[in-house]
Amino acid sequence: MNGRKDILSAWITIEQLSEGSINKKDKALKPLHTVEKDWNKFFLDFLSKQKEQQKVSDKIFKKSGLVLYFDIFNFQEIVDILREKYKIAKNYEEVSNSDKFTFSVYFDNQLNFIAEKLFYTMSGYIRRHGDLPKDILKVENSFRRLEQEI
């Protein structure tokens, strides 16, 4: 056991668990509760309407795009999973009650997928698999490759 290495590893894990927070009350986020026959047209129309409503110039619009967040959940689920898995007693310290997302995908303003911006959260991994990943970057990269093949 290497004390410094273990502390650094624990610190990195804590940082990774803090990633993926999302504020569902943020007015900039638009919930998607629809079924469409042509998603491409739906999102292109959405981007066009946003450009118009926000009076965005063509130059700025070229740098814009769309982000989709999937599988939003309360972080308390992860706390409960880890407590049970590692037999950690429940204490009454305040724990972050934030919402997290499992993964996000990014598209440019022409709806081209931007693979390097795909983000798969450690919290989402734990929620799906019930344990910490050995290497979240490997998981994320394999997810990225899968998305590019689709």
Protein backbone atom coordinates (compact mmCIF):
# COMPACT_ATOMS: atom_id res chain seq x y z
CA MET A 1 0.00 0.00 0.00
CA ASN A 2 1.38 3.37 -1.05
CA GLY A 3 -0.07 6.16 1.10
CA ARG A 4 0.50 8.98 -1.38
CA LYS A 5 -0.73 6.98 -4.33
CA ASP A 6 -3.86 5.89 -2.41
CA ILE A 7 -4.61 9.46 -1.32
CA LEU A 8 -4.16 10.75 -4.87
CA SER A 9 -6.36 7.97 -6.25
CA ALA A 10 -9.08 8.72 -3.67
CA TRP A 11 -8.88 12.44 -4.48
CA ILE A 12 -9.26 11.76 -8.23
CA THR A 13 -12.25 9.50 -7.54
CA ILE A 14 -13.92 12.21 -5.45
CA GLU A 15 -13.33 14.73 -8.24
CA GLN A 16 -14.80 12.34 -10.81
CA LEU A 17 -17.86 11.76 -8.62
CA SER A 18 -18.42 15.51 -8.48
CA GLU A 19 -18.65 15.70 -12.28
CA GLY A 20 -21.89 15.52 -14.18
CA SER A 21 -23.98 17.84 -12.03
CA ILE A 22 -27.02 19.31 -13.72
CA ASN A 23 -29.56 21.82 -12.48
CA LYS A 24 -32.93 20.66 -13.77
CA LYS A 25 -34.39 24.09 -12.88
CA ASP A 26 -31.98 25.89 -15.25
CA LYS A 27 -34.21 27.67 -17.77
CA ALA A 28 -31.60 27.21 -20.51
CA LEU A 29 -32.26 23.46 -20.39
CA LYS A 30 -35.19 22.28 -22.46
CA PRO A 31 -36.74 18.96 -21.41
CA LEU A 32 -37.47 16.68 -24.33
CA HIS A 33 -40.84 14.97 -24.00
CA THR A 34 -41.78 14.18 -27.56
CA VAL A 35 -41.63 11.48 -30.17
CA GLU A 36 -40.64 12.62 -33.62
CA LYS A 37 -40.57 10.90 -37.00
CA ASP A 38 -37.65 13.05 -38.15
CA TRP A 39 -35.31 13.94 -35.29
CA ASN A 40 -32.85 15.62 -37.62
CA LYS A 41 -35.50 18.08 -38.82
CA PHE A 42 -36.79 18.55 -35.27
CA PHE A 43 -33.36 19.55 -33.91
CA LEU A 44 -32.40 21.68 -36.92
CA ASP A 45 -35.68 23.57 -36.54
CA PHE A 46 -35.00 23.94 -32.81
CA LEU A 47 -31.53 25.39 -33.45
CA SER A 48 -32.93 27.75 -36.08
CA LYS A 49 -35.65 28.99 -33.69
CA GLN A 50 -33.09 29.50 -30.92
CA LYS A 51 -30.90 31.52 -33.29
CA GLU A 52 -33.87 33.70 -34.18
CA GLN A 53 -35.19 34.13 -30.63
CA GLN A 54 -31.79 34.99 -29.20
CA LYS A 55 -30.82 37.15 -32.18
CA VAL A 56 -27.54 35.29 -32.72
CA SER A 57 -25.35 36.37 -35.63
CA ASP A 58 -24.35 33.88 -38.32
CA LYS A 59 -20.74 34.09 -37.14
CA ILE A 60 -21.64 33.12 -33.55
CA PHE A 61 -24.18 30.54 -34.73
CA LYS A 62 -21.43 28.67 -36.61
CA LYS A 63 -19.86 27.93 -33.21
CA SER A 64 -23.12 26.82 -31.63
CA GLY A 65 -24.61 23.39 -31.31
CA LEU A 66 -26.71 21.10 -29.23
CA VAL A 67 -26.04 19.11 -26.07
CA LEU A 68 -28.25 16.24 -24.97
CA TYR A 69 -28.08 14.99 -21.37
CA PHE A 70 -29.27 11.44 -20.68
CA ASP A 71 -30.38 9.52 -17.64
CA ILE A 72 -30.70 12.28 -15.04
CA PHE A 73 -30.90 11.09 -11.43
CA ASN A 74 -30.35 12.26 -7.86
CA PHE A 75 -26.80 11.78 -6.53
CA GLN A 76 -28.22 10.25 -3.34
CA GLU A 77 -28.69 7.05 -5.37
CA ILE A 78 -24.92 6.80 -5.79
CA VAL A 79 -24.30 7.50 -2.11
CA ASP A 80 -26.71 4.69 -1.22
CA ILE A 81 -25.13 2.25 -3.70
CA LEU A 82 -21.61 2.93 -2.40
CA ARG A 83 -22.69 2.77 1.26
CA GLU A 84 -24.26 -0.63 0.71
CA LYS A 85 -21.41 -1.98 -1.45
CA TYR A 86 -18.64 -0.89 0.93
CA LYS A 87 -20.62 -1.27 4.19
CA ILE A 88 -20.30 2.40 5.10
CA ALA A 89 -22.44 3.42 8.05
CA LYS A 90 -24.94 6.16 7.43
CA ASN A 91 -24.06 9.36 9.23
CA TYR A 92 -25.98 12.57 9.40
CA GLU A 93 -23.53 14.86 7.70
CA GLU A 94 -25.04 16.81 4.87
CA VAL A 95 -24.42 15.17 1.52
CA SER A 96 -24.82 16.92 -1.80
CA ASN A 97 -28.38 16.48 -2.97
CA SER A 98 -27.61 17.41 -6.56
CA ASP A 99 -28.84 15.86 -9.75
CA LYS A 100 -26.39 14.14 -12.09
CA PHE A 101 -26.55 12.86 -15.64
CA THR A 102 -25.11 9.59 -16.91
CA PHE A 103 -23.80 10.85 -20.23
CA SER A 104 -24.00 13.78 -22.60
CA VAL A 105 -23.53 13.99 -26.35
CA TYR A 106 -22.65 17.08 -28.34
CA PHE A 107 -23.52 18.10 -31.88
CA ASP A 108 -22.48 21.10 -33.93
CA ASN A 109 -25.04 23.43 -35.53
CA GLN A 110 -25.41 21.02 -38.48
CA LEU A 111 -26.00 18.10 -36.07
CA ASN A 112 -22.63 16.48 -36.69
CA PHE A 113 -21.69 14.37 -33.68
CA ILE A 114 -18.62 15.69 -31.81
CA ALA A 115 -17.09 12.50 -30.40
CA GLU A 116 -14.35 14.16 -28.36
CA LYS A 117 -16.96 16.02 -26.30
CA LEU A 118 -18.95 12.93 -25.32
CA PHE A 119 -18.96 12.72 -21.53
CA TYR A 120 -19.75 9.59 -19.53
CA THR A 121 -19.88 10.24 -15.79
CA MET A 122 -18.52 8.01 -13.07
CA SER A 123 -21.76 8.47 -11.14
CA GLY A 124 -23.71 7.21 -14.13
CA TYR A 125 -21.39 4.22 -14.43
CA ILE A 126 -21.89 3.36 -10.76
CA ARG A 127 -25.64 3.70 -11.12
CA ARG A 128 -25.69 1.31 -14.07
CA HIS A 129 -23.09 -1.21 -12.84
CA GLY A 130 -23.21 -0.90 -9.04
CA ASP A 131 -19.48 -0.40 -8.60
CA LEU A 132 -16.59 1.96 -9.34
CA PRO A 133 -15.01 1.49 -12.78
CA LYS A 134 -11.38 0.45 -12.92
CA ASP A 135 -10.70 3.18 -15.51
CA ILE A 136 -13.50 5.59 -16.40
CA LEU A 137 -11.50 7.03 -19.33
CA LYS A 138 -11.35 3.59 -21.00
CA VAL A 139 -15.10 3.21 -20.49
CA GLU A 140 -15.72 6.68 -21.93
CA ASN A 141 -13.44 6.05 -24.93
CA SER A 142 -15.13 2.75 -25.76
CA PHE A 143 -18.49 4.53 -25.54
CA ARG A 144 -17.13 7.24 -27.87
CA ARG A 145 -16.01 4.66 -30.45
CA LEU A 146 -19.39 2.95 -30.29
CA GLU A 147 -21.19 6.26 -30.90
CA GLN A 148 -18.98 7.02 -33.92
CA GLU A 149 -19.85 3.66 -35.47
CA ILE A 150 -23.58 4.38 -35.26
